[in-house]
Amino acid sequence: HPELYRFVVRRTFADRPVRSDPVTA
């Protein structure tokens, strides 16, 4: 799932600070 990995790690989709960071979790 390379694109899913990039989607999550790069965080460009999120339009505001997130309530919890999936990468850190």
mmCIF file of all heavy atoms, coordinates in Angstrom:
data_MODEL
# 
_entry.id   MODEL 
# 
loop_
_atom_site.group_PDB 
_atom_site.id 
_atom_site.type_symbol 
_atom_site.label_atom_id 
_atom_site.label_alt_id 
_atom_site.label_comp_id 
_atom_site.label_asym_id 
_atom_site.label_entity_id 
_atom_site.label_seq_id 
_atom_site.pdbx_PDB_ins_code 
_atom_site.Cartn_x 
_atom_site.Cartn_y 
_atom_site.Cartn_z 
_atom_site.occupancy 
_atom_site.B_iso_or_equiv 
_atom_site.pdbx_formal_charge 
_atom_site.auth_seq_id 
_atom_site.auth_comp_id 
_atom_site.auth_asym_id 
_atom_site.auth_atom_id 
_atom_site.pdbx_PDB_model_num 
ATOM 1   N N   . HIS A 1 1  ? 0.842   -1.204 0.000  1.00 0.00 ? 1  HIS A N   1 
ATOM 2   C CA  . HIS A 1 1  ? 0.000   0.000  0.000  1.00 0.00 ? 1  HIS A CA  1 
ATOM 3   C C   . HIS A 1 1  ? 0.878   1.256  0.000  1.00 0.00 ? 1  HIS A C   1 
ATOM 4   O O   . HIS A 1 1  ? 0.824   2.057  0.941  1.00 0.00 ? 1  HIS A O   1 
ATOM 5   C CB  . HIS A 1 1  ? -0.913  0.005  1.227  1.00 0.00 ? 1  HIS A CB  1 
ATOM 6   C CG  . HIS A 1 1  ? -1.855  -1.158 1.307  1.00 0.00 ? 1  HIS A CG  1 
ATOM 7   N ND1 . HIS A 1 1  ? -3.042  -1.193 0.600  1.00 0.00 ? 1  HIS A ND1 1 
ATOM 8   C CD2 . HIS A 1 1  ? -1.775  -2.321 2.005  1.00 0.00 ? 1  HIS A CD2 1 
ATOM 9   C CE1 . HIS A 1 1  ? -3.659  -2.331 0.876  1.00 0.00 ? 1  HIS A CE1 1 
ATOM 10  N NE2 . HIS A 1 1  ? -2.914  -3.040 1.706  1.00 0.00 ? 1  HIS A NE2 1 
ATOM 11  N N   . PRO A 1 2  ? 1.683   1.466  -1.043 1.00 0.00 ? 2  PRO A N   1 
ATOM 12  C CA  . PRO A 1 2  ? 2.617   2.603  -1.013 1.00 0.00 ? 2  PRO A CA  1 
ATOM 13  C C   . PRO A 1 2  ? 1.921   3.958  -0.969 1.00 0.00 ? 2  PRO A C   1 
ATOM 14  O O   . PRO A 1 2  ? 2.363   4.870  -0.265 1.00 0.00 ? 2  PRO A O   1 
ATOM 15  C CB  . PRO A 1 2  ? 3.425   2.430  -2.304 1.00 0.00 ? 2  PRO A CB  1 
ATOM 16  C CG  . PRO A 1 2  ? 2.537   1.628  -3.207 1.00 0.00 ? 2  PRO A CG  1 
ATOM 17  C CD  . PRO A 1 2  ? 1.790   0.705  -2.304 1.00 0.00 ? 2  PRO A CD  1 
ATOM 18  N N   . GLU A 1 3  ? 0.823   4.115  -1.724 1.00 0.00 ? 3  GLU A N   1 
ATOM 19  C CA  . GLU A 1 3  ? 0.147   5.410  -1.742 1.00 0.00 ? 3  GLU A CA  1 
ATOM 20  C C   . GLU A 1 3  ? -0.574  5.678  -0.420 1.00 0.00 ? 3  GLU A C   1 
ATOM 21  O O   . GLU A 1 3  ? -0.647  6.827  0.037  1.00 0.00 ? 3  GLU A O   1 
ATOM 22  C CB  . GLU A 1 3  ? -0.830  5.486  -2.914 1.00 0.00 ? 3  GLU A CB  1 
ATOM 23  C CG  . GLU A 1 3  ? -0.157  5.480  -4.281 1.00 0.00 ? 3  GLU A CG  1 
ATOM 24  C CD  . GLU A 1 3  ? 0.824   6.630  -4.446 1.00 0.00 ? 3  GLU A CD  1 
ATOM 25  O OE1 . GLU A 1 3  ? 0.589   7.715  -3.874 1.00 0.00 ? 3  GLU A OE1 1 
ATOM 26  O OE2 . GLU A 1 3  ? 1.846   6.446  -5.151 1.00 0.00 ? 3  GLU A OE2 1 
ATOM 27  N N   . LEU A 1 4  ? -1.100  4.643  0.183  1.00 0.00 ? 4  LEU A N   1 
ATOM 28  C CA  . LEU A 1 4  ? -1.725  4.806  1.501  1.00 0.00 ? 4  LEU A CA  1 
ATOM 29  C C   . LEU A 1 4  ? -0.668  5.242  2.518  1.00 0.00 ? 4  LEU A C   1 
ATOM 30  O O   . LEU A 1 4  ? -0.918  6.127  3.344  1.00 0.00 ? 4  LEU A O   1 
ATOM 31  C CB  . LEU A 1 4  ? -2.376  3.491  1.939  1.00 0.00 ? 4  LEU A CB  1 
ATOM 32  C CG  . LEU A 1 4  ? -2.967  3.468  3.345  1.00 0.00 ? 4  LEU A CG  1 
ATOM 33  C CD1 . LEU A 1 4  ? -4.120  4.448  3.464  1.00 0.00 ? 4  LEU A CD1 1 
ATOM 34  C CD2 . LEU A 1 4  ? -3.439  2.053  3.711  1.00 0.00 ? 4  LEU A CD2 1 
ATOM 35  N N   . TYR A 1 5  ? 0.506   4.642  2.449  1.00 0.00 ? 5  TYR A N   1 
ATOM 36  C CA  . TYR A 1 5  ? 1.593   5.015  3.344  1.00 0.00 ? 5  TYR A CA  1 
ATOM 37  C C   . TYR A 1 5  ? 1.945   6.494  3.153  1.00 0.00 ? 5  TYR A C   1 
ATOM 38  O O   . TYR A 1 5  ? 2.058   7.241  4.135  1.00 0.00 ? 5  TYR A O   1 
ATOM 39  C CB  . TYR A 1 5  ? 2.815   4.137  3.063  1.00 0.00 ? 5  TYR A CB  1 
ATOM 40  C CG  . TYR A 1 5  ? 4.050   4.535  3.840  1.00 0.00 ? 5  TYR A CG  1 
ATOM 41  C CD1 . TYR A 1 5  ? 4.220   4.139  5.160  1.00 0.00 ? 5  TYR A CD1 1 
ATOM 42  C CD2 . TYR A 1 5  ? 5.041   5.312  3.250  1.00 0.00 ? 5  TYR A CD2 1 
ATOM 43  C CE1 . TYR A 1 5  ? 5.346   4.508  5.873  1.00 0.00 ? 5  TYR A CE1 1 
ATOM 44  C CE2 . TYR A 1 5  ? 6.172   5.687  3.955  1.00 0.00 ? 5  TYR A CE2 1 
ATOM 45  C CZ  . TYR A 1 5  ? 6.327   5.283  5.263  1.00 0.00 ? 5  TYR A CZ  1 
ATOM 46  O OH  . TYR A 1 5  ? 7.448   5.659  5.971  1.00 0.00 ? 5  TYR A OH  1 
ATOM 47  N N   . ARG A 1 6  ? 2.080   6.933  1.903  1.00 0.00 ? 6  ARG A N   1 
ATOM 48  C CA  . ARG A 1 6  ? 2.424   8.332  1.636  1.00 0.00 ? 6  ARG A CA  1 
ATOM 49  C C   . ARG A 1 6  ? 1.301   9.268  2.077  1.00 0.00 ? 6  ARG A C   1 
ATOM 50  O O   . ARG A 1 6  ? 1.547   10.356 2.592  1.00 0.00 ? 6  ARG A O   1 
ATOM 51  C CB  . ARG A 1 6  ? 2.729   8.514  0.151  1.00 0.00 ? 6  ARG A CB  1 
ATOM 52  C CG  . ARG A 1 6  ? 3.959   7.745  -0.328 1.00 0.00 ? 6  ARG A CG  1 
ATOM 53  C CD  . ARG A 1 6  ? 4.259   8.030  -1.788 1.00 0.00 ? 6  ARG A CD  1 
ATOM 54  N NE  . ARG A 1 6  ? 5.442   7.303  -2.242 1.00 0.00 ? 6  ARG A NE  1 
ATOM 55  C CZ  . ARG A 1 6  ? 5.416   6.222  -3.016 1.00 0.00 ? 6  ARG A CZ  1 
ATOM 56  N NH1 . ARG A 1 6  ? 4.242   5.750  -3.450 1.00 0.00 ? 6  ARG A NH1 1 
ATOM 57  N NH2 . ARG A 1 6  ? 6.526   5.618  -3.385 1.00 0.00 ? 6  ARG A NH2 1 
ATOM 58  N N   . PHE A 1 7  ? 0.058   8.847  1.862  1.00 0.00 ? 7  PHE A N   1 
ATOM 59  C CA  . PHE A 1 7  ? -1.099  9.636  2.261  1.00 0.00 ? 7  PHE A CA  1 
ATOM 60  C C   . PHE A 1 7  ? -1.059  9.912  3.763  1.00 0.00 ? 7  PHE A C   1 
ATOM 61  O O   . PHE A 1 7  ? -1.290  11.043 4.218  1.00 0.00 ? 7  PHE A O   1 
ATOM 62  C CB  . PHE A 1 7  ? -2.380  8.882  1.890  1.00 0.00 ? 7  PHE A CB  1 
ATOM 63  C CG  . PHE A 1 7  ? -3.664  9.516  2.369  1.00 0.00 ? 7  PHE A CG  1 
ATOM 64  C CD1 . PHE A 1 7  ? -4.323  10.449 1.579  1.00 0.00 ? 7  PHE A CD1 1 
ATOM 65  C CD2 . PHE A 1 7  ? -4.220  9.168  3.591  1.00 0.00 ? 7  PHE A CD2 1 
ATOM 66  C CE1 . PHE A 1 7  ? -5.508  11.035 2.009  1.00 0.00 ? 7  PHE A CE1 1 
ATOM 67  C CE2 . PHE A 1 7  ? -5.397  9.739  4.031  1.00 0.00 ? 7  PHE A CE2 1 
ATOM 68  C CZ  . PHE A 1 7  ? -6.042  10.680 3.234  1.00 0.00 ? 7  PHE A CZ  1 
ATOM 69  N N   . VAL A 1 8  ? -0.757  8.876  4.545  1.00 0.00 ? 8  VAL A N   1 
ATOM 70  C CA  . VAL A 1 8  ? -0.766  9.017  6.002  1.00 0.00 ? 8  VAL A CA  1 
ATOM 71  C C   . VAL A 1 8  ? 0.454   9.795  6.474  1.00 0.00 ? 8  VAL A C   1 
ATOM 72  O O   . VAL A 1 8  ? 0.345   10.701 7.315  1.00 0.00 ? 8  VAL A O   1 
ATOM 73  C CB  . VAL A 1 8  ? -0.828  7.634  6.671  1.00 0.00 ? 8  VAL A CB  1 
ATOM 74  C CG1 . VAL A 1 8  ? -0.684  7.767  8.180  1.00 0.00 ? 8  VAL A CG1 1 
ATOM 75  C CG2 . VAL A 1 8  ? -2.139  6.931  6.333  1.00 0.00 ? 8  VAL A CG2 1 
ATOM 76  N N   . VAL A 1 9  ? 1.636   9.476  5.949  1.00 0.00 ? 9  VAL A N   1 
ATOM 77  C CA  . VAL A 1 9  ? 2.867   10.079 6.443  1.00 0.00 ? 9  VAL A CA  1 
ATOM 78  C C   . VAL A 1 9  ? 2.984   11.551 6.038  1.00 0.00 ? 9  VAL A C   1 
ATOM 79  O O   . VAL A 1 9  ? 3.418   12.394 6.834  1.00 0.00 ? 9  VAL A O   1 
ATOM 80  C CB  . VAL A 1 9  ? 4.094   9.287  5.940  1.00 0.00 ? 9  VAL A CB  1 
ATOM 81  C CG1 . VAL A 1 9  ? 5.387   10.015 6.247  1.00 0.00 ? 9  VAL A CG1 1 
ATOM 82  C CG2 . VAL A 1 9  ? 4.115   7.900  6.584  1.00 0.00 ? 9  VAL A CG2 1 
ATOM 83  N N   . ARG A 1 10 ? 2.570   11.899 4.818  1.00 0.00 ? 10 ARG A N   1 
ATOM 84  C CA  . ARG A 1 10 ? 2.737   13.278 4.343  1.00 0.00 ? 10 ARG A CA  1 
ATOM 85  C C   . ARG A 1 10 ? 1.715   14.248 4.914  1.00 0.00 ? 10 ARG A C   1 
ATOM 86  O O   . ARG A 1 10 ? 1.936   15.454 4.938  1.00 0.00 ? 10 ARG A O   1 
ATOM 87  C CB  . ARG A 1 10 ? 2.684   13.293 2.816  1.00 0.00 ? 10 ARG A CB  1 
ATOM 88  C CG  . ARG A 1 10 ? 3.879   12.592 2.174  1.00 0.00 ? 10 ARG A CG  1 
ATOM 89  C CD  . ARG A 1 10 ? 3.742   12.511 0.667  1.00 0.00 ? 10 ARG A CD  1 
ATOM 90  N NE  . ARG A 1 10 ? 4.878   11.816 0.067  1.00 0.00 ? 10 ARG A NE  1 
ATOM 91  C CZ  . ARG A 1 10 ? 4.966   11.509 -1.218 1.00 0.00 ? 10 ARG A CZ  1 
ATOM 92  N NH1 . ARG A 1 10 ? 3.971   11.834 -2.046 1.00 0.00 ? 10 ARG A NH1 1 
ATOM 93  N NH2 . ARG A 1 10 ? 6.025   10.871 -1.669 1.00 0.00 ? 10 ARG A NH2 1 
ATOM 94  N N   . ARG A 1 11 ? 0.541   13.770 5.306  1.00 0.00 ? 11 ARG A N   1 
ATOM 95  C CA  . ARG A 1 11 ? -0.479  14.586 5.978  1.00 0.00 ? 11 ARG A CA  1 
ATOM 96  C C   . ARG A 1 11 ? -0.998  15.751 5.126  1.00 0.00 ? 11 ARG A C   1 
ATOM 97  O O   . ARG A 1 11 ? -1.535  16.727 5.656  1.00 0.00 ? 11 ARG A O   1 
ATOM 98  C CB  . ARG A 1 11 ? 0.065   15.162 7.290  1.00 0.00 ? 11 ARG A CB  1 
ATOM 99  C CG  . ARG A 1 11 ? 0.527   14.154 8.314  1.00 0.00 ? 11 ARG A CG  1 
ATOM 100 C CD  . ARG A 1 11 ? 0.977   14.868 9.583  1.00 0.00 ? 11 ARG A CD  1 
ATOM 101 N NE  . ARG A 1 11 ? 1.401   13.978 10.622 1.00 0.00 ? 11 ARG A NE  1 
ATOM 102 C CZ  . ARG A 1 11 ? 2.638   13.520 10.749 1.00 0.00 ? 11 ARG A CZ  1 
ATOM 103 N NH1 . ARG A 1 11 ? 3.574   13.895 9.891  1.00 0.00 ? 11 ARG A NH1 1 
ATOM 104 N NH2 . ARG A 1 11 ? 2.957   12.705 11.737 1.00 0.00 ? 11 ARG A NH2 1 
ATOM 105 N N   . THR A 1 12 ? -0.826  15.704 3.823  1.00 0.00 ? 12 THR A N   1 
ATOM 106 C CA  . THR A 1 12 ? -1.259  16.823 2.989  1.00 0.00 ? 12 THR A CA  1 
ATOM 107 C C   . THR A 1 12 ? -2.778  16.887 2.845  1.00 0.00 ? 12 THR A C   1 
ATOM 108 O O   . THR A 1 12 ? -3.321  17.938 2.501  1.00 0.00 ? 12 THR A O   1 
ATOM 109 C CB  . THR A 1 12 ? -0.628  16.721 1.588  1.00 0.00 ? 12 THR A CB  1 
ATOM 110 O OG1 . THR A 1 12 ? -0.950  15.443 1.014  1.00 0.00 ? 12 THR A OG1 1 
ATOM 111 C CG2 . THR A 1 12 ? 0.883   16.866 1.659  1.00 0.00 ? 12 THR A CG2 1 
ATOM 112 N N   . PHE A 1 13 ? -3.463  15.787 3.103  1.00 0.00 ? 13 PHE A N   1 
ATOM 113 C CA  . PHE A 1 13 ? -4.913  15.746 2.925  1.00 0.00 ? 13 PHE A CA  1 
ATOM 114 C C   . PHE A 1 13 ? -5.625  16.500 4.048  1.00 0.00 ? 13 PHE A C   1 
ATOM 115 O O   . PHE A 1 13 ? -6.642  17.160 3.820  1.00 0.00 ? 13 PHE A O   1 
ATOM 116 C CB  . PHE A 1 13 ? -5.386  14.289 2.899  1.00 0.00 ? 13 PHE A CB  1 
ATOM 117 C CG  . PHE A 1 13 ? -6.855  14.108 2.641  1.00 0.00 ? 13 PHE A CG  1 
ATOM 118 C CD1 . PHE A 1 13 ? -7.359  14.141 1.348  1.00 0.00 ? 13 PHE A CD1 1 
ATOM 119 C CD2 . PHE A 1 13 ? -7.735  13.911 3.698  1.00 0.00 ? 13 PHE A CD2 1 
ATOM 120 C CE1 . PHE A 1 13 ? -8.708  13.965 1.097  1.00 0.00 ? 13 PHE A CE1 1 
ATOM 121 C CE2 . PHE A 1 13 ? -9.100  13.729 3.463  1.00 0.00 ? 13 PHE A CE2 1 
ATOM 122 C CZ  . PHE A 1 13 ? -9.583  13.762 2.164  1.00 0.00 ? 13 PHE A CZ  1 
ATOM 123 N N   . ALA A 1 14 ? -5.091  16.398 5.257  1.00 0.00 ? 14 ALA A N   1 
ATOM 124 C CA  . ALA A 1 14 ? -5.741  17.027 6.415  1.00 0.00 ? 14 ALA A CA  1 
ATOM 125 C C   . ALA A 1 14 ? -5.730  18.545 6.257  1.00 0.00 ? 14 ALA A C   1 
ATOM 126 O O   . ALA A 1 14 ? -4.717  19.142 5.875  1.00 0.00 ? 14 ALA A O   1 
ATOM 127 C CB  . ALA A 1 14 ? -5.030  16.623 7.701  1.00 0.00 ? 14 ALA A CB  1 
ATOM 128 N N   . ASP A 1 15 ? -6.878  19.182 6.518  1.00 0.00 ? 15 ASP A N   1 
ATOM 129 C CA  . ASP A 1 15 ? -6.992  20.624 6.337  1.00 0.00 ? 15 ASP A CA  1 
ATOM 130 C C   . ASP A 1 15 ? -6.891  21.402 7.644  1.00 0.00 ? 15 ASP A C   1 
ATOM 131 O O   . ASP A 1 15 ? -7.093  22.612 7.665  1.00 0.00 ? 15 ASP A O   1 
ATOM 132 C CB  . ASP A 1 15 ? -8.313  20.965 5.632  1.00 0.00 ? 15 ASP A CB  1 
ATOM 133 C CG  . ASP A 1 15 ? -9.522  20.345 6.328  1.00 0.00 ? 15 ASP A CG  1 
ATOM 134 O OD1 . ASP A 1 15 ? -9.329  19.689 7.368  1.00 0.00 ? 15 ASP A OD1 1 
ATOM 135 O OD2 . ASP A 1 15 ? -10.644 20.515 5.828  1.00 0.00 ? 15 ASP A OD2 1 
ATOM 136 N N   . ARG A 1 16 ? -6.594  20.726 8.733  1.00 0.00 ? 16 ARG A N   1 
ATOM 137 C CA  . ARG A 1 16 ? -6.384  21.387 10.028 1.00 0.00 ? 16 ARG A CA  1 
ATOM 138 C C   . ARG A 1 16 ? -5.641  20.415 10.938 1.00 0.00 ? 16 ARG A C   1 
ATOM 139 O O   . ARG A 1 16 ? -5.509  19.229 10.609 1.00 0.00 ? 16 ARG A O   1 
ATOM 140 C CB  . ARG A 1 16 ? -7.724  21.796 10.657 1.00 0.00 ? 16 ARG A CB  1 
ATOM 141 C CG  . ARG A 1 16 ? -8.616  20.629 11.049 1.00 0.00 ? 16 ARG A CG  1 
ATOM 142 C CD  . ARG A 1 16 ? -9.843  21.090 11.822 1.00 0.00 ? 16 ARG A CD  1 
ATOM 143 N NE  . ARG A 1 16 ? -10.703 19.979 12.176 1.00 0.00 ? 16 ARG A NE  1 
ATOM 144 C CZ  . ARG A 1 16 ? -10.510 19.162 13.203 1.00 0.00 ? 16 ARG A CZ  1 
ATOM 145 N NH1 . ARG A 1 16 ? -9.454  19.325 13.975 1.00 0.00 ? 16 ARG A NH1 1 
ATOM 146 N NH2 . ARG A 1 16 ? -11.347 18.177 13.460 1.00 0.00 ? 16 ARG A NH2 1 
ATOM 147 N N   . PRO A 1 17 ? -5.131  20.877 12.079 1.00 0.00 ? 17 PRO A N   1 
ATOM 148 C CA  . PRO A 1 17 ? -4.464  19.950 13.004 1.00 0.00 ? 17 PRO A CA  1 
ATOM 149 C C   . PRO A 1 17 ? -5.396  18.809 13.383 1.00 0.00 ? 17 PRO A C   1 
ATOM 150 O O   . PRO A 1 17 ? -6.588  19.005 13.605 1.00 0.00 ? 17 PRO A O   1 
ATOM 151 C CB  . PRO A 1 17 ? -4.146  20.842 14.220 1.00 0.00 ? 17 PRO A CB  1 
ATOM 152 C CG  . PRO A 1 17 ? -4.039  22.219 13.657 1.00 0.00 ? 17 PRO A CG  1 
ATOM 153 C CD  . PRO A 1 17 ? -5.062  22.278 12.544 1.00 0.00 ? 17 PRO A CD  1 
ATOM 154 N N   . VAL A 1 18 ? -4.838  17.599 13.438 1.00 0.00 ? 18 VAL A N   1 
ATOM 155 C CA  . VAL A 1 18 ? -5.664  16.422 13.677 1.00 0.00 ? 18 VAL A CA  1 
ATOM 156 C C   . VAL A 1 18 ? -5.785  16.155 15.172 1.00 0.00 ? 18 VAL A C   1 
ATOM 157 O O   . VAL A 1 18 ? -4.918  16.544 15.968 1.00 0.00 ? 18 VAL A O   1 
ATOM 158 C CB  . VAL A 1 18 ? -5.084  15.181 12.969 1.00 0.00 ? 18 VAL A CB  1 
ATOM 159 C CG1 . VAL A 1 18 ? -5.114  15.386 11.460 1.00 0.00 ? 18 VAL A CG1 1 
ATOM 160 C CG2 . VAL A 1 18 ? -3.658  14.896 13.428 1.00 0.00 ? 18 VAL A CG2 1 
ATOM 161 N N   . ARG A 1 19 ? -6.882  15.477 15.564 1.00 0.00 ? 19 ARG A N   1 
ATOM 162 C CA  . ARG A 1 19 ? -7.118  15.168 16.973 1.00 0.00 ? 19 ARG A CA  1 
ATOM 163 C C   . ARG A 1 19 ? -6.150  14.105 17.476 1.00 0.00 ? 19 ARG A C   1 
ATOM 164 O O   . ARG A 1 19 ? -5.869  14.027 18.668 1.00 0.00 ? 19 ARG A O   1 
ATOM 165 C CB  . ARG A 1 19 ? -8.570  14.702 17.172 1.00 0.00 ? 19 ARG A CB  1 
ATOM 166 C CG  . ARG A 1 19 ? -8.977  13.519 16.315 1.00 0.00 ? 19 ARG A CG  1 
ATOM 167 C CD  . ARG A 1 19 ? -10.411 13.087 16.576 1.00 0.00 ? 19 ARG A CD  1 
ATOM 168 N NE  . ARG A 1 19 ? -10.895 12.132 15.595 1.00 0.00 ? 19 ARG A NE  1 
ATOM 169 C CZ  . ARG A 1 19 ? -10.637 10.850 15.610 1.00 0.00 ? 19 ARG A CZ  1 
ATOM 170 N NH1 . ARG A 1 19 ? -9.865  10.352 16.562 1.00 0.00 ? 19 ARG A NH1 1 
ATOM 171 N NH2 . ARG A 1 19 ? -11.131 10.048 14.682 1.00 0.00 ? 19 ARG A NH2 1 
ATOM 172 N N   . SER A 1 20 ? -5.666  13.249 16.592 1.00 0.00 ? 20 SER A N   1 
ATOM 173 C CA  . SER A 1 20 ? -4.663  12.249 16.951 1.00 0.00 ? 20 SER A CA  1 
ATOM 174 C C   . SER A 1 20 ? -3.832  11.961 15.712 1.00 0.00 ? 20 SER A C   1 
ATOM 175 O O   . SER A 1 20 ? -4.361  11.918 14.608 1.00 0.00 ? 20 SER A O   1 
ATOM 176 C CB  . SER A 1 20 ? -5.314  10.963 17.466 1.00 0.00 ? 20 SER A CB  1 
ATOM 177 O OG  . SER A 1 20 ? -6.126  10.379 16.474 1.00 0.00 ? 20 SER A OG  1 
ATOM 178 N N   . ASP A 1 21 ? -2.534  11.776 15.915 1.00 0.00 ? 21 ASP A N   1 
ATOM 179 C CA  . ASP A 1 21 ? -1.608  11.575 14.799 1.00 0.00 ? 21 ASP A CA  1 
ATOM 180 C C   . ASP A 1 21 ? -1.470  10.083 14.517 1.00 0.00 ? 21 ASP A C   1 
ATOM 181 O O   . ASP A 1 21 ? -0.908  9.353  15.345 1.00 0.00 ? 21 ASP A O   1 
ATOM 182 C CB  . ASP A 1 21 ? -0.253  12.179 15.149 1.00 0.00 ? 21 ASP A CB  1 
ATOM 183 C CG  . ASP A 1 21 ? 0.757   12.047 14.022 1.00 0.00 ? 21 ASP A CG  1 
ATOM 184 O OD1 . ASP A 1 21 ? 0.372   11.543 12.945 1.00 0.00 ? 21 ASP A OD1 1 
ATOM 185 O OD2 . ASP A 1 21 ? 1.908   12.432 14.211 1.00 0.00 ? 21 ASP A OD2 1 
ATOM 186 N N   . PRO A 1 22 ? -1.967  9.593  13.371 1.00 0.00 ? 22 PRO A N   1 
ATOM 187 C CA  . PRO A 1 22 ? -1.876  8.156  13.078 1.00 0.00 ? 22 PRO A CA  1 
ATOM 188 C C   . PRO A 1 22 ? -0.439  7.649  13.020 1.00 0.00 ? 22 PRO A C   1 
ATOM 189 O O   . PRO A 1 22 ? -0.175  6.502  13.401 1.00 0.00 ? 22 PRO A O   1 
ATOM 190 C CB  . PRO A 1 22 ? -2.570  8.036  11.711 1.00 0.00 ? 22 PRO A CB  1 
ATOM 191 C CG  . PRO A 1 22 ? -3.431  9.243  11.587 1.00 0.00 ? 22 PRO A CG  1 
ATOM 192 C CD  . PRO A 1 22 ? -2.705  10.324 12.324 1.00 0.00 ? 22 PRO A CD  1 
ATOM 193 N N   . VAL A 1 23 ? 0.482   8.486  12.541 1.00 0.00 ? 23 VAL A N   1 
ATOM 194 C CA  . VAL A 1 23 ? 1.872   8.050  12.428 1.00 0.00 ? 23 VAL A CA  1 
ATOM 195 C C   . VAL A 1 23 ? 2.465   7.807  13.815 1.00 0.00 ? 23 VAL A C   1 
ATOM 196 O O   . VAL A 1 23 ? 3.096   6.782  14.083 1.00 0.00 ? 23 VAL A O   1 
ATOM 197 C CB  . VAL A 1 23 ? 2.710   9.084  11.658 1.00 0.00 ? 23 VAL A CB  1 
ATOM 198 C CG1 . VAL A 1 23 ? 4.171   8.645  11.587 1.00 0.00 ? 23 VAL A CG1 1 
ATOM 199 C CG2 . VAL A 1 23 ? 2.150   9.292  10.260 1.00 0.00 ? 23 VAL A CG2 1 
ATOM 200 N N   . THR A 1 24 ? 2.245   8.753  14.718 1.00 0.00 ? 24 THR A N   1 
ATOM 201 C CA  . THR A 1 24 ? 2.737   8.597  16.086 1.00 0.00 ? 24 THR A CA  1 
ATOM 202 C C   . THR A 1 24 ? 2.082   7.404  16.777 1.00 0.00 ? 24 THR A C   1 
ATOM 203 O O   . THR A 1 24 ? 2.748   6.631  17.483 1.00 0.00 ? 24 THR A O   1 
ATOM 204 C CB  . THR A 1 24 ? 2.475   9.876  16.895 1.00 0.00 ? 24 THR A CB  1 
ATOM 205 O OG1 . THR A 1 24 ? 3.141   10.976 16.268 1.00 0.00 ? 24 THR A OG1 1 
ATOM 206 C CG2 . THR A 1 24 ? 2.980   9.736  18.318 1.00 0.00 ? 24 THR A CG2 1 
ATOM 207 N N   . ALA A 1 25 ? 0.780   7.256  16.568 1.00 0.00 ? 25 ALA A N   1 
ATOM 208 C CA  . ALA A 1 25 ? 0.059   6.140  17.182 1.00 0.00 ? 25 ALA A CA  1 
ATOM 209 C C   . ALA A 1 25 ? 0.608   4.806  16.692 1.00 0.00 ? 25 ALA A C   1 
ATOM 210 O O   . ALA A 1 25 ? 0.797   3.865  17.476 1.00 0.00 ? 25 ALA A O   1 
ATOM 211 C CB  . ALA A 1 25 ? -1.430  6.244  16.877 1.00 0.00 ? 25 ALA A CB  1 
# 
